[in-house]
């Protein structure tokens, strides 16, 4: 009888840890009751789901979501470190996504990218622009990742 009580208590402990990590407490309770030593090690080594971790980071108020790629960036950031797009200063909330204004690009135009440096436009396609970068070679990029270089 005491052994059964110990297994039920350990199943409950496994379920509480699972619940704190955003996992199903009921499923982990049954797993914990069946084989609690293995279940306890398993749940302790299981990482939090990304959504739960992201929400906890957002709750601190130090981060916001990029309006273009939806990845977390620091509140003070003006350029997204994931997609390289300008996200502007934080003014309480992330700005609503707007379509990119058309760039006056032509094949042969000189452009620059924060990630790859300067290059020359080789092809303009609906999904992006192929640019031959001086140092990185050819890359396919979205229009919003480029800046025109005014020569002269």
C-alpha atoms as a PDB file:
ATOM      1  CA  UNK A   1       0.000   0.000   0.000  1.00  0.00           C
ATOM      2  CA  UNK A   2       2.816   2.394   0.889  1.00  0.00           C
ATOM      3  CA  UNK A   3       4.560   1.562  -2.360  1.00  0.00           C
ATOM      4  CA  UNK A   4       1.421   2.450  -4.333  1.00  0.00           C
ATOM      5  CA  UNK A   5       1.186   5.774  -2.489  1.00  0.00           C
ATOM      6  CA  UNK A   6       4.834   6.573  -3.293  1.00  0.00           C
ATOM      7  CA  UNK A   7       4.277   5.824  -6.991  1.00  0.00           C
ATOM      8  CA  UNK A   8       1.163   8.043  -7.073  1.00  0.00           C
ATOM      9  CA  UNK A   9       3.007  10.914  -5.355  1.00  0.00           C
ATOM     10  CA  UNK A  10       5.944  10.596  -7.765  1.00  0.00           C
ATOM     11  CA  UNK A  11       3.498  10.533 -10.698  1.00  0.00           C
ATOM     12  CA  UNK A  12       1.993  13.769  -9.355  1.00  0.00           C
ATOM     13  CA  UNK A  13       5.457  15.347  -9.045  1.00  0.00           C
ATOM     14  CA  UNK A  14       6.270  14.390 -12.649  1.00  0.00           C
ATOM     15  CA  UNK A  15       2.900  15.851 -13.739  1.00  0.00           C
ATOM     16  CA  UNK A  16       3.568  19.156 -11.919  1.00  0.00           C
ATOM     17  CA  UNK A  17       6.984  19.530 -13.537  1.00  0.00           C
ATOM     18  CA  UNK A  18       5.472  18.715 -16.939  1.00  0.00           C
ATOM     19  CA  UNK A  19       2.712  21.265 -16.413  1.00  0.00           C
ATOM     20  CA  UNK A  20       5.252  23.971 -15.526  1.00  0.00           C
ATOM     21  CA  UNK A  21       6.976  23.240 -18.851  1.00  0.00           C
ATOM     22  CA  UNK A  22       3.736  23.575 -20.803  1.00  0.00           C
ATOM     23  CA  UNK A  23       3.219  19.839 -21.276  1.00  0.00           C
ATOM     24  CA  UNK A  24       0.109  17.725 -20.647  1.00  0.00           C
ATOM     25  CA  UNK A  25      -0.084  17.054 -16.910  1.00  0.00           C
ATOM     26  CA  UNK A  26      -2.530  14.149 -17.320  1.00  0.00           C
ATOM     27  CA  UNK A  27      -0.426  12.247 -19.822  1.00  0.00           C
ATOM     28  CA  UNK A  28       2.733  12.789 -17.794  1.00  0.00           C
ATOM     29  CA  UNK A  29       0.928  11.704 -14.606  1.00  0.00           C
ATOM     30  CA  UNK A  30       0.092   8.316 -16.122  1.00  0.00           C
ATOM     31  CA  UNK A  31       3.616   8.014 -17.512  1.00  0.00           C
ATOM     32  CA  UNK A  32       4.985   8.917 -14.059  1.00  0.00           C
ATOM     33  CA  UNK A  33       2.776   6.407 -12.253  1.00  0.00           C
ATOM     34  CA  UNK A  34       3.853   3.615 -14.603  1.00  0.00           C
ATOM     35  CA  UNK A  35       7.608   4.246 -14.552  1.00  0.00           C
ATOM     36  CA  UNK A  36       8.303   7.305 -12.407  1.00  0.00           C
ATOM     37  CA  UNK A  37      12.125   7.022 -12.259  1.00  0.00           C
ATOM     38  CA  UNK A  38      12.354   7.127 -16.051  1.00  0.00           C
ATOM     39  CA  UNK A  39       9.574   9.715 -16.409  1.00  0.00           C
ATOM     40  CA  UNK A  40      11.212  12.028 -13.860  1.00  0.00           C
ATOM     41  CA  UNK A  41      14.552  12.006 -15.680  1.00  0.00           C
ATOM     42  CA  UNK A  42      12.743  12.371 -19.023  1.00  0.00           C
ATOM     43  CA  UNK A  43      10.724  15.447 -17.997  1.00  0.00           C
ATOM     44  CA  UNK A  44      13.720  17.083 -16.325  1.00  0.00           C
ATOM     45  CA  UNK A  45      15.685  16.762 -19.581  1.00  0.00           C
ATOM     46  CA  UNK A  46      12.777  17.841 -21.816  1.00  0.00           C
ATOM     47  CA  UNK A  47      13.072  21.511 -22.904  1.00  0.00           C
ATOM     48  CA  UNK A  48      10.182  23.938 -22.747  1.00  0.00           C
ATOM     49  CA  UNK A  49       8.239  24.324 -26.005  1.00  0.00           C
ATOM     50  CA  UNK A  50       9.371  27.408 -27.925  1.00  0.00           C
ATOM     51  CA  UNK A  51       5.970  29.093 -27.631  1.00  0.00           C
ATOM     52  CA  UNK A  52       5.980  28.843 -23.840  1.00  0.00           C
ATOM     53  CA  UNK A  53       9.572  30.084 -23.644  1.00  0.00           C
ATOM     54  CA  UNK A  54       8.768  32.962 -26.030  1.00  0.00           C
ATOM     55  CA  UNK A  55       5.772  34.017 -23.943  1.00  0.00           C
ATOM     56  CA  UNK A  56       7.890  34.074 -20.800  1.00  0.00           C
ATOM     57  CA  UNK A  57      10.493  36.248 -22.548  1.00  0.00           C
ATOM     58  CA  UNK A  58       7.750  38.557 -23.850  1.00  0.00           C
ATOM     59  CA  UNK A  59       6.327  38.854 -20.325  1.00  0.00           C
ATOM     60  CA  UNK A  60       9.577  40.467 -19.136  1.00  0.00           C
ATOM     61  CA  UNK A  61       8.935  43.402 -21.484  1.00  0.00           C
ATOM     62  CA  UNK A  62      12.493  43.373 -22.870  1.00  0.00           C
ATOM     63  CA  UNK A  63      11.555  41.899 -26.250  1.00  0.00           C
ATOM     64  CA  UNK A  64       9.016  42.340 -29.044  1.00  0.00           C
ATOM     65  CA  UNK A  65       8.163  40.481 -32.233  1.00  0.00           C
ATOM     66  CA  UNK A  66       9.481  41.519 -35.630  1.00  0.00           C
ATOM     67  CA  UNK A  67       6.453  42.528 -37.761  1.00  0.00           C
ATOM     68  CA  UNK A  68       7.996  40.823 -40.817  1.00  0.00           C
ATOM     69  CA  UNK A  69       9.319  37.435 -39.613  1.00  0.00           C
ATOM     70  CA  UNK A  70       7.602  37.232 -36.167  1.00  0.00           C
ATOM     71  CA  UNK A  71      10.851  36.299 -34.382  1.00  0.00           C
ATOM     72  CA  UNK A  72      11.692  37.805 -30.988  1.00  0.00           C
ATOM     73  CA  UNK A  73      14.026  40.796 -31.016  1.00  0.00           C
ATOM     74  CA  UNK A  74      15.157  43.132 -28.247  1.00  0.00           C
ATOM     75  CA  UNK A  75      12.870  46.091 -27.596  1.00  0.00           C
ATOM     76  CA  UNK A  76      15.643  48.581 -28.465  1.00  0.00           C
ATOM     77  CA  UNK A  77      16.434  46.951 -31.843  1.00  0.00           C
ATOM     78  CA  UNK A  78      15.825  48.926 -35.015  1.00  0.00           C
ATOM     79  CA  UNK A  79      16.906  46.113 -37.371  1.00  0.00           C
ATOM     80  CA  UNK A  80      15.712  42.520 -36.973  1.00  0.00           C
ATOM     81  CA  UNK A  81      18.650  40.192 -36.381  1.00  0.00           C
ATOM     82  CA  UNK A  82      16.771  37.291 -38.003  1.00  0.00           C
ATOM     83  CA  UNK A  83      15.549  38.780 -41.297  1.00  0.00           C
ATOM     84  CA  UNK A  84      17.646  41.967 -41.477  1.00  0.00           C
ATOM     85  CA  UNK A  85      14.652  44.259 -42.052  1.00  0.00           C
ATOM     86  CA  UNK A  86      14.238  47.692 -40.507  1.00  0.00           C
ATOM     87  CA  UNK A  87      11.666  47.453 -37.732  1.00  0.00           C
ATOM     88  CA  UNK A  88      12.010  50.995 -36.428  1.00  0.00           C
ATOM     89  CA  UNK A  89      12.159  52.125 -32.825  1.00  0.00           C
ATOM     90  CA  UNK A  90       9.707  50.642 -30.356  1.00  0.00           C
ATOM     91  CA  UNK A  91       6.819  52.979 -29.693  1.00  0.00           C
ATOM     92  CA  UNK A  92       4.830  50.848 -27.301  1.00  0.00           C
ATOM     93  CA  UNK A  93       3.936  48.157 -29.810  1.00  0.00           C
ATOM     94  CA  UNK A  94       5.439  46.683 -32.939  1.00  0.00           C
ATOM     95  CA  UNK A  95       4.332  48.511 -36.092  1.00  0.00           C
ATOM     96  CA  UNK A  96       1.786  46.848 -38.315  1.00  0.00           C
ATOM     97  CA  UNK A  97       3.215  45.089 -41.334  1.00  0.00           C
ATOM     98  CA  UNK A  98       3.058  47.084 -44.528  1.00  0.00           C
ATOM     99  CA  UNK A  99       3.935  45.974 -48.034  1.00  0.00           C
ATOM    100  CA  UNK A 100       7.325  47.037 -49.249  1.00  0.00           C
ATOM    101  CA  UNK A 101       7.227  50.073 -51.488  1.00  0.00           C
ATOM    102  CA  UNK A 102       8.488  49.159 -54.935  1.00  0.00           C
ATOM    103  CA  UNK A 103      12.185  49.839 -55.314  1.00  0.00           C
ATOM    104  CA  UNK A 104      13.374  51.558 -58.495  1.00  0.00           C
ATOM    105  CA  UNK A 105      15.632  48.633 -59.295  1.00  0.00           C
ATOM    106  CA  UNK A 106      16.895  47.504 -62.633  1.00  0.00           C
ATOM    107  CA  UNK A 107      19.290  44.793 -63.646  1.00  0.00           C
ATOM    108  CA  UNK A 108      22.720  46.329 -63.086  1.00  0.00           C
ATOM    109  CA  UNK A 109      21.674  48.585 -60.167  1.00  0.00           C
ATOM    110  CA  UNK A 110      24.121  48.769 -57.271  1.00  0.00           C
ATOM    111  CA  UNK A 111      22.586  47.741 -53.936  1.00  0.00           C
ATOM    112  CA  UNK A 112      23.747  46.876 -50.444  1.00  0.00           C
ATOM    113  CA  UNK A 113      22.647  44.442 -47.786  1.00  0.00           C
ATOM    114  CA  UNK A 114      23.499  44.679 -44.112  1.00  0.00           C
ATOM    115  CA  UNK A 115      24.452  41.015 -44.143  1.00  0.00           C
ATOM    116  CA  UNK A 116      26.358  40.674 -47.447  1.00  0.00           C
ATOM    117  CA  UNK A 117      27.615  44.199 -48.254  1.00  0.00           C
ATOM    118  CA  UNK A 118      27.527  45.792 -51.711  1.00  0.00           C
ATOM    119  CA  UNK A 119      26.576  44.063 -54.940  1.00  0.00           C
ATOM    120  CA  UNK A 120      24.976  44.331 -58.365  1.00  0.00           C
ATOM    121  CA  UNK A 121      21.413  43.252 -59.273  1.00  0.00           C
ATOM    122  CA  UNK A 122      21.485  40.308 -61.720  1.00  0.00           C
ATOM    123  CA  UNK A 123      17.799  39.281 -61.847  1.00  0.00           C
ATOM    124  CA  UNK A 124      14.490  40.662 -60.565  1.00  0.00           C
ATOM    125  CA  UNK A 125      11.856  37.999 -59.870  1.00  0.00           C
ATOM    126  CA  UNK A 126       8.472  38.043 -58.077  1.00  0.00           C
ATOM    127  CA  UNK A 127       9.878  36.148 -55.084  1.00  0.00           C
ATOM    128  CA  UNK A 128      13.042  38.184 -54.695  1.00  0.00           C
ATOM    129  CA  UNK A 129      16.063  39.692 -56.306  1.00  0.00           C
ATOM    130  CA  UNK A 130      19.240  37.873 -57.275  1.00  0.00           C
ATOM    131  CA  UNK A 131      22.254  39.976 -56.409  1.00  0.00           C
ATOM    132  CA  UNK A 132      25.895  39.242 -57.221  1.00  0.00           C
ATOM    133  CA  UNK A 133      27.639  40.487 -54.093  1.00  0.00           C
ATOM    134  CA  UNK A 134      31.232  41.661 -54.328  1.00  0.00           C
ATOM    135  CA  UNK A 135      32.405  39.397 -51.479  1.00  0.00           C
ATOM    136  CA  UNK A 136      29.644  36.802 -50.926  1.00  0.00           C
ATOM    137  CA  UNK A 137      28.758  35.834 -54.500  1.00  0.00           C
ATOM    138  CA  UNK A 138      25.179  35.438 -55.808  1.00  0.00           C
ATOM    139  CA  UNK A 139      22.332  35.513 -53.279  1.00  0.00           C
ATOM    140  CA  UNK A 140      18.520  35.554 -53.617  1.00  0.00           C
ATOM    141  CA  UNK A 141      17.066  38.191 -51.271  1.00  0.00           C
ATOM    142  CA  UNK A 142      13.652  39.730 -50.539  1.00  0.00           C
ATOM    143  CA  UNK A 143      13.260  43.318 -51.679  1.00  0.00           C
ATOM    144  CA  UNK A 144      13.081  44.670 -48.122  1.00  0.00           C
ATOM    145  CA  UNK A 145      16.564  43.376 -47.308  1.00  0.00           C
ATOM    146  CA  UNK A 146      18.236  45.711 -49.819  1.00  0.00           C
ATOM    147  CA  UNK A 147      19.236  49.379 -49.839  1.00  0.00           C
ATOM    148  CA  UNK A 148      19.978  51.309 -53.004  1.00  0.00           C
ATOM    149  CA  UNK A 149      23.464  52.716 -53.307  1.00  0.00           C
ATOM    150  CA  UNK A 150      23.463  56.180 -54.820  1.00  0.00           C
ATOM    151  CA  UNK A 151      26.596  56.428 -56.900  1.00  0.00           C
ATOM    152  CA  UNK A 152      28.107  59.663 -58.025  1.00  0.00           C
END
